[in-house]
Each structure stands twice: as C-alpha cells, then as structure tokens.
Amino acid sequence: MSGAMTSTAISQGFAASGFEGVRQQFESNLTGGEDVGASFCVSHDAVVIVDLWGGVADGINGGTLPW
C-alpha cells in the first residue's frame, strides 16, 4: 500500500497491493479528460482497499479548487 502522493501527482491516496490497475485507470480518466476531478473508494468486509482522489472539484469554474 502506498501513501498519499506529492502535490505534483495525478492522484492522491492509495490502492492496496493487487489493485494498482484501479489507480492506473483512475489516473487515465483524469489525464485523458474523461474526468476533471473525482474520488473513488472501495471497501470489502469493512476494509478499505482503494481510496483515491484527484483533479479539481470546480472544473466548470476554472479548475482552481483541488479535489
């Protein structure tokens, strides 16, 4: 499991071992323009296995508010 990434990262948060592809797709959606900002969290049996966020929360208003 990786910790939060630096401010230059595409996304922040973590994806448990074996779920790296989820992070890759999440970041692809942000860099490819499918999303300007998003968050995504998955838990299984009350254990968080993916918790990601990135981009901006105000894309319509110029994109200055980090997610």
PDB file of N, CA and C in Angstrom:
ATOM      1  N   MET A   1       0.854  -1.171   0.000  1.00  0.00           N
ATOM      2  CA  MET A   1       0.000   0.000   0.000  1.00  0.00           C
ATOM      3  C   MET A   1       0.892   1.223   0.000  1.00  0.00           C
ATOM      4  N   SER A   2       0.613   2.182  -0.874  1.00  0.00           N
ATOM      5  CA  SER A   2       1.393   3.403  -0.913  1.00  0.00           C
ATOM      6  C   SER A   2       0.640   4.516  -0.208  1.00  0.00           C
ATOM      7  N   GLY A   3       1.364   5.482   0.308  1.00  0.00           N
ATOM      8  CA  GLY A   3       0.753   6.613   0.993  1.00  0.00           C
ATOM      9  C   GLY A   3       0.331   7.678   0.012  1.00  0.00           C
ATOM     10  N   ALA A   4      -0.107   8.812   0.543  1.00  0.00           N
ATOM     11  CA  ALA A   4      -0.510   9.937  -0.299  1.00  0.00           C
ATOM     12  C   ALA A   4       0.685  10.388  -1.120  1.00  0.00           C
ATOM     13  N   MET A   5       0.427  10.795  -2.326  1.00  0.00           N
ATOM     14  CA  MET A   5       1.492  11.208  -3.219  1.00  0.00           C
ATOM     15  C   MET A   5       1.722  12.709  -3.112  1.00  0.00           C
ATOM     16  N   THR A   6       2.758  13.187  -3.752  1.00  0.00           N
ATOM     17  CA  THR A   6       3.094  14.605  -3.700  1.00  0.00           C
ATOM     18  C   THR A   6       2.079  15.440  -4.456  1.00  0.00           C
ATOM     19  N   SER A   7       2.170  16.754  -4.302  1.00  0.00           N
ATOM     20  CA  SER A   7       1.204  17.646  -4.935  1.00  0.00           C
ATOM     21  C   SER A   7       1.309  17.634  -6.455  1.00  0.00           C
ATOM     22  N   THR A   8       2.418  17.139  -7.024  1.00  0.00           N
ATOM     23  CA  THR A   8       2.545  17.075  -8.465  1.00  0.00           C
ATOM     24  C   THR A   8       1.958  15.785  -9.024  1.00  0.00           C
ATOM     25  N   ALA A   9       1.492  14.911  -8.152  1.00  0.00           N
ATOM     26  CA  ALA A   9       0.920  13.644  -8.588  1.00  0.00           C
ATOM     27  C   ALA A   9      -0.431  13.862  -9.244  1.00  0.00           C
ATOM     28  N   ILE A  10      -0.802  12.935 -10.086  1.00  0.00           N
ATOM     29  CA  ILE A  10      -2.102  12.979 -10.749  1.00  0.00           C
ATOM     30  C   ILE A  10      -3.204  12.682  -9.738  1.00  0.00           C
ATOM     31  N   SER A  11      -2.941  11.713  -8.861  1.00  0.00           N
ATOM     32  CA  SER A  11      -3.928  11.360  -7.849  1.00  0.00           C
ATOM     33  C   SER A  11      -3.244  11.212  -6.503  1.00  0.00           C
ATOM     34  N   GLN A  12      -4.060  11.223  -5.471  1.00  0.00           N
ATOM     35  CA  GLN A  12      -3.570  11.007  -4.117  1.00  0.00           C
ATOM     36  C   GLN A  12      -4.349   9.850  -3.524  1.00  0.00           C
ATOM     37  N   GLY A  13      -3.839   9.304  -2.426  1.00  0.00           N
ATOM     38  CA  GLY A  13      -4.497   8.193  -1.772  1.00  0.00           C
ATOM     39  C   GLY A  13      -3.733   6.910  -1.973  1.00  0.00           C
ATOM     40  N   PHE A  14      -4.441   5.786  -1.934  1.00  0.00           N
ATOM     41  CA  PHE A  14      -3.761   4.501  -2.062  1.00  0.00           C
ATOM     42  C   PHE A  14      -4.645   3.458  -2.734  1.00  0.00           C
ATOM     43  N   ALA A  15      -3.964   2.469  -3.258  1.00  0.00           N
ATOM     44  CA  ALA A  15      -4.607   1.261  -3.770  1.00  0.00           C
ATOM     45  C   ALA A  15      -3.801   0.096  -3.207  1.00  0.00           C
ATOM     46  N   ALA A  16      -4.470  -0.822  -2.527  1.00  0.00           N
ATOM     47  CA  ALA A  16      -3.794  -1.975  -1.925  1.00  0.00           C
ATOM     48  C   ALA A  16      -3.117  -2.806  -3.002  1.00  0.00           C
ATOM     49  N   SER A  17      -2.145  -3.566  -2.568  1.00  0.00           N
ATOM     50  CA  SER A  17      -1.435  -4.475  -3.463  1.00  0.00           C
ATOM     51  C   SER A  17      -2.434  -5.330  -4.229  1.00  0.00           C
ATOM     52  N   GLY A  18      -2.232  -5.426  -5.534  1.00  0.00           N
ATOM     53  CA  GLY A  18      -3.152  -6.171  -6.381  1.00  0.00           C
ATOM     54  C   GLY A  18      -4.205  -5.301  -7.042  1.00  0.00           C
ATOM     55  N   PHE A  19      -4.311  -4.038  -6.602  1.00  0.00           N
ATOM     56  CA  PHE A  19      -5.310  -3.116  -7.146  1.00  0.00           C
ATOM     57  C   PHE A  19      -4.653  -1.911  -7.834  1.00  0.00           C
ATOM     58  N   GLU A  20      -3.386  -2.065  -8.226  1.00  0.00           N
ATOM     59  CA  GLU A  20      -2.672  -0.983  -8.898  1.00  0.00           C
ATOM     60  C   GLU A  20      -3.353  -0.587 -10.209  1.00  0.00           C
ATOM     61  N   GLY A  21      -3.986  -1.533 -10.869  1.00  0.00           N
ATOM     62  CA  GLY A  21      -4.697  -1.239 -12.119  1.00  0.00           C
ATOM     63  C   GLY A  21      -5.861  -0.279 -11.914  1.00  0.00           C
ATOM     64  N   VAL A  22      -6.462  -0.311 -10.752  1.00  0.00           N
ATOM     65  CA  VAL A  22      -7.547   0.627 -10.438  1.00  0.00           C
ATOM     66  C   VAL A  22      -6.989   2.039 -10.423  1.00  0.00           C
ATOM     67  N   ARG A  23      -5.831   2.221  -9.772  1.00  0.00           N
ATOM     68  CA  ARG A  23      -5.197   3.540  -9.735  1.00  0.00           C
ATOM     69  C   ARG A  23      -4.808   3.978 -11.145  1.00  0.00           C
ATOM     70  N   GLN A  24      -4.266   3.071 -11.929  1.00  0.00           N
ATOM     71  CA  GLN A  24      -3.867   3.414 -13.296  1.00  0.00           C
ATOM     72  C   GLN A  24      -5.067   3.892 -14.116  1.00  0.00           C
ATOM     73  N   GLN A  25      -6.196   3.199 -13.998  1.00  0.00           N
ATOM     74  CA  GLN A  25      -7.388   3.611 -14.743  1.00  0.00           C
ATOM     75  C   GLN A  25      -7.926   4.939 -14.238  1.00  0.00           C
ATOM     76  N   PHE A  26      -7.929   5.123 -12.922  1.00  0.00           N
ATOM     77  CA  PHE A  26      -8.380   6.383 -12.326  1.00  0.00           C
ATOM     78  C   PHE A  26      -7.558   7.542 -12.879  1.00  0.00           C
ATOM     79  N   GLU A  27      -6.230   7.382 -12.883  1.00  0.00           N
ATOM     80  CA  GLU A  27      -5.356   8.440 -13.393  1.00  0.00           C
ATOM     81  C   GLU A  27      -5.522   8.638 -14.892  1.00  0.00           C
ATOM     82  N   SER A  28      -5.763   7.566 -15.615  1.00  0.00           N
ATOM     83  CA  SER A  28      -6.008   7.669 -17.051  1.00  0.00           C
ATOM     84  C   SER A  28      -7.264   8.495 -17.330  1.00  0.00           C
ATOM     85  N   ASN A  29      -8.291   8.308 -16.518  1.00  0.00           N
ATOM     86  CA  ASN A  29      -9.513   9.092 -16.685  1.00  0.00           C
ATOM     87  C   ASN A  29      -9.249  10.578 -16.459  1.00  0.00           C
ATOM     88  N   LEU A  30      -8.384  10.900 -15.497  1.00  0.00           N
ATOM     89  CA  LEU A  30      -8.065  12.307 -15.231  1.00  0.00           C
ATOM     90  C   LEU A  30      -7.205  12.910 -16.336  1.00  0.00           C
ATOM     91  N   THR A  31      -6.179  12.197 -16.774  1.00  0.00           N
ATOM     92  CA  THR A  31      -5.291  12.754 -17.799  1.00  0.00           C
ATOM     93  C   THR A  31      -5.916  12.730 -19.178  1.00  0.00           C
ATOM     94  N   GLY A  32      -6.847  11.796 -19.417  1.00  0.00           N
ATOM     95  CA  GLY A  32      -7.481  11.679 -20.724  1.00  0.00           C
ATOM     96  C   GLY A  32      -8.665  12.596 -20.922  1.00  0.00           C
ATOM     97  N   GLY A  33      -9.081  13.295 -19.864  1.00  0.00           N
ATOM     98  CA  GLY A  33     -10.176  14.235 -19.981  1.00  0.00           C
ATOM     99  C   GLY A  33     -11.553  13.655 -19.699  1.00  0.00           C
ATOM    100  N   GLU A  34     -11.634  12.360 -19.389  1.00  0.00           N
ATOM    101  CA  GLU A  34     -12.937  11.783 -19.059  1.00  0.00           C
ATOM    102  C   GLU A  34     -13.487  12.400 -17.776  1.00  0.00           C
ATOM    103  N   ASP A  35     -12.589  12.758 -16.867  1.00  0.00           N
ATOM    104  CA  ASP A  35     -12.954  13.411 -15.610  1.00  0.00           C
ATOM    105  C   ASP A  35     -12.011  14.591 -15.391  1.00  0.00           C
ATOM    106  N   VAL A  36     -12.511  15.667 -14.775  1.00  0.00           N
ATOM    107  CA  VAL A  36     -11.630  16.765 -14.370  1.00  0.00           C
ATOM    108  C   VAL A  36     -11.288  16.648 -12.897  1.00  0.00           C
ATOM    109  N   GLY A  37     -12.095  15.899 -12.161  1.00  0.00           N
ATOM    110  CA  GLY A  37     -11.858  15.649 -10.749  1.00  0.00           C
ATOM    111  C   GLY A  37     -12.771  14.536 -10.285  1.00  0.00           C
ATOM    112  N   ALA A  38     -12.264  13.727  -9.358  1.00  0.00           N
ATOM    113  CA  ALA A  38     -13.061  12.600  -8.895  1.00  0.00           C
ATOM    114  C   ALA A  38     -12.473  12.047  -7.613  1.00  0.00           C
ATOM    115  N   SER A  39     -13.294  11.247  -6.944  1.00  0.00           N
ATOM    116  CA  SER A  39     -12.817  10.435  -5.829  1.00  0.00           C
ATOM    117  C   SER A  39     -13.429   9.054  -5.994  1.00  0.00           C
ATOM    118  N   PHE A  40     -12.722   8.059  -5.472  1.00  0.00           N
ATOM    119  CA  PHE A  40     -13.172   6.681  -5.621  1.00  0.00           C
ATOM    120  C   PHE A  40     -12.680   5.885  -4.425  1.00  0.00           C
ATOM    121  N   CYS A  41     -13.600   5.215  -3.752  1.00  0.00           N
ATOM    122  CA  CYS A  41     -13.248   4.424  -2.570  1.00  0.00           C
ATOM    123  C   CYS A  41     -13.963   3.075  -2.651  1.00  0.00           C
ATOM    124  N   VAL A  42     -13.217   2.015  -2.356  1.00  0.00           N
ATOM    125  CA  VAL A  42     -13.774   0.666  -2.353  1.00  0.00           C
ATOM    126  C   VAL A  42     -13.403  -0.002  -1.037  1.00  0.00           C
ATOM    127  N   SER A  43     -14.390  -0.631  -0.417  1.00  0.00           N
ATOM    128  CA  SER A  43     -14.111  -1.428   0.779  1.00  0.00           C
ATOM    129  C   SER A  43     -14.675  -2.821   0.581  1.00  0.00           C
ATOM    130  N   HIS A  44     -14.063  -3.759   1.262  1.00  0.00           N
ATOM    131  CA  HIS A  44     -14.512  -5.155   1.219  1.00  0.00           C
ATOM    132  C   HIS A  44     -14.398  -5.715   2.626  1.00  0.00           C
ATOM    133  N   ASP A  45     -15.488  -6.229   3.139  1.00  0.00           N
ATOM    134  CA  ASP A  45     -15.525  -6.741   4.516  1.00  0.00           C
ATOM    135  C   ASP A  45     -15.019  -5.689   5.503  1.00  0.00           C
ATOM    136  N   ALA A  46     -15.453  -4.457   5.322  1.00  0.00           N
ATOM    137  CA  ALA A  46     -15.136  -3.314   6.194  1.00  0.00           C
ATOM    138  C   ALA A  46     -13.673  -2.901   6.156  1.00  0.00           C
ATOM    139  N   VAL A  47     -12.927  -3.321   5.135  1.00  0.00           N
ATOM    140  CA  VAL A  47     -11.534  -2.913   4.965  1.00  0.00           C
ATOM    141  C   VAL A  47     -11.437  -2.096   3.684  1.00  0.00           C
ATOM    142  N   VAL A  48     -10.906  -0.881   3.786  1.00  0.00           N
ATOM    143  CA  VAL A  48     -10.725  -0.035   2.602  1.00  0.00           C
ATOM    144  C   VAL A  48      -9.540  -0.580   1.814  1.00  0.00           C
ATOM    145  N   ILE A  49      -9.785  -0.885   0.534  1.00  0.00           N
ATOM    146  CA  ILE A  49      -8.718  -1.411  -0.306  1.00  0.00           C
ATOM    147  C   ILE A  49      -8.275  -0.423  -1.382  1.00  0.00           C
ATOM    148  N   VAL A  50      -9.132   0.545  -1.702  1.00  0.00           N
ATOM    149  CA  VAL A  50      -8.792   1.608  -2.642  1.00  0.00           C
ATOM    150  C   VAL A  50      -9.429   2.889  -2.123  1.00  0.00           C
ATOM    151  N   ASP A  51      -8.634   3.951  -2.068  1.00  0.00           N
ATOM    152  CA  ASP A  51      -9.141   5.274  -1.684  1.00  0.00           C
ATOM    153  C   ASP A  51      -8.334   6.300  -2.455  1.00  0.00           C
ATOM    154  N   LEU A  52      -8.908   6.816  -3.524  1.00  0.00           N
ATOM    155  CA  LEU A  52      -8.205   7.719  -4.438  1.00  0.00           C
ATOM    156  C   LEU A  52      -8.988   9.009  -4.638  1.00  0.00           C
ATOM    157  N   TRP A  53      -8.264  10.097  -4.891  1.00  0.00           N
ATOM    158  CA  TRP A  53      -8.880  11.356  -5.266  1.00  0.00           C
ATOM    159  C   TRP A  53      -7.874  12.142  -6.085  1.00  0.00           C
ATOM    160  N   GLY A  54      -8.394  13.017  -6.938  1.00  0.00           N
ATOM    161  CA  GLY A  54      -7.501  13.816  -7.760  1.00  0.00           C
ATOM    162  C   GLY A  54      -8.260  14.793  -8.626  1.00  0.00           C
ATOM    163  N   GLY A  55      -7.522  15.655  -9.274  1.00  0.00           N
ATOM    164  CA  GLY A  55      -8.119  16.656 -10.140  1.00  0.00           C
ATOM    165  C   GLY A  55      -8.683  17.819  -9.350  1.00  0.00           C
ATOM    166  N   VAL A  56      -9.678  18.464  -9.918  1.00  0.00           N
ATOM    167  CA  VAL A  56     -10.282  19.642  -9.308  1.00  0.00           C
ATOM    168  C   VAL A  56     -11.773  19.431  -9.084  1.00  0.00           C
ATOM    169  N   ALA A  57     -12.291  20.113  -8.068  1.00  0.00           N
ATOM    170  CA  ALA A  57     -13.703  19.994  -7.718  1.00  0.00           C
ATOM    171  C   ALA A  57     -14.559  21.030  -8.429  1.00  0.00           C
ATOM    172  N   ASP A  58     -13.920  22.003  -9.053  1.00  0.00           N
ATOM    173  CA  ASP A  58     -14.665  23.091  -9.697  1.00  0.00           C
ATOM    174  C   ASP A  58     -14.244  23.269 -11.149  1.00  0.00           C
ATOM    175  N   GLY A  59     -14.216  22.192 -11.887  1.00  0.00           N
ATOM    176  CA  GLY A  59     -13.781  22.239 -13.279  1.00  0.00           C
ATOM    177  C   GLY A  59     -14.574  23.200 -14.143  1.00  0.00           C
ATOM    178  N   ILE A  60     -15.849  23.348 -13.861  1.00  0.00           N
ATOM    179  CA  ILE A  60     -16.692  24.264 -14.631  1.00  0.00           C
ATOM    180  C   ILE A  60     -16.303  25.714 -14.356  1.00  0.00           C
ATOM    181  N   ASN A  61     -15.799  25.977 -13.156  1.00  0.00           N
ATOM    182  CA  ASN A  61     -15.458  27.348 -12.748  1.00  0.00           C
ATOM    183  C   ASN A  61     -13.974  27.663 -12.861  1.00  0.00           C
ATOM    184  N   GLY A  62     -13.261  26.968 -13.698  1.00  0.00           N
ATOM    185  CA  GLY A  62     -11.856  27.284 -13.934  1.00  0.00           C
ATOM    186  C   GLY A  62     -10.870  26.317 -13.326  1.00  0.00           C
ATOM    187  N   GLY A  63     -11.306  25.407 -12.511  1.00  0.00           N
ATOM    188  CA  GLY A  63     -10.433  24.380 -12.002  1.00  0.00           C
ATOM    189  C   GLY A  63      -9.361  24.835 -11.043  1.00  0.00           C
ATOM    190  N   THR A  64      -9.741  25.597 -10.018  1.00  0.00           N
ATOM    191  CA  THR A  64      -8.755  26.076  -9.053  1.00  0.00           C
ATOM    192  C   THR A  64      -8.866  25.415  -7.683  1.00  0.00           C
ATOM    193  N   LEU A  65      -9.936  24.693  -7.444  1.00  0.00           N
ATOM    194  CA  LEU A  65     -10.180  24.077  -6.137  1.00  0.00           C
ATOM    195  C   LEU A  65      -9.793  22.597  -6.190  1.00  0.00           C
ATOM    196  N   PRO A  66      -8.677  22.209  -5.559  1.00  0.00           N
ATOM    197  CA  PRO A  66      -8.258  20.792  -5.622  1.00  0.00           C
ATOM    198  C   PRO A  66      -9.317  19.888  -5.024  1.00  0.00           C
ATOM    199  N   TRP A  67      -9.433  18.686  -5.575  1.00  0.00           N
ATOM    200  CA  TRP A  67     -10.374  17.717  -5.068  1.00  0.00           C
ATOM    201  C   TRP A  67      -9.925  17.364  -3.687  1.00  0.00           C
TER     202      TRP A  67
END
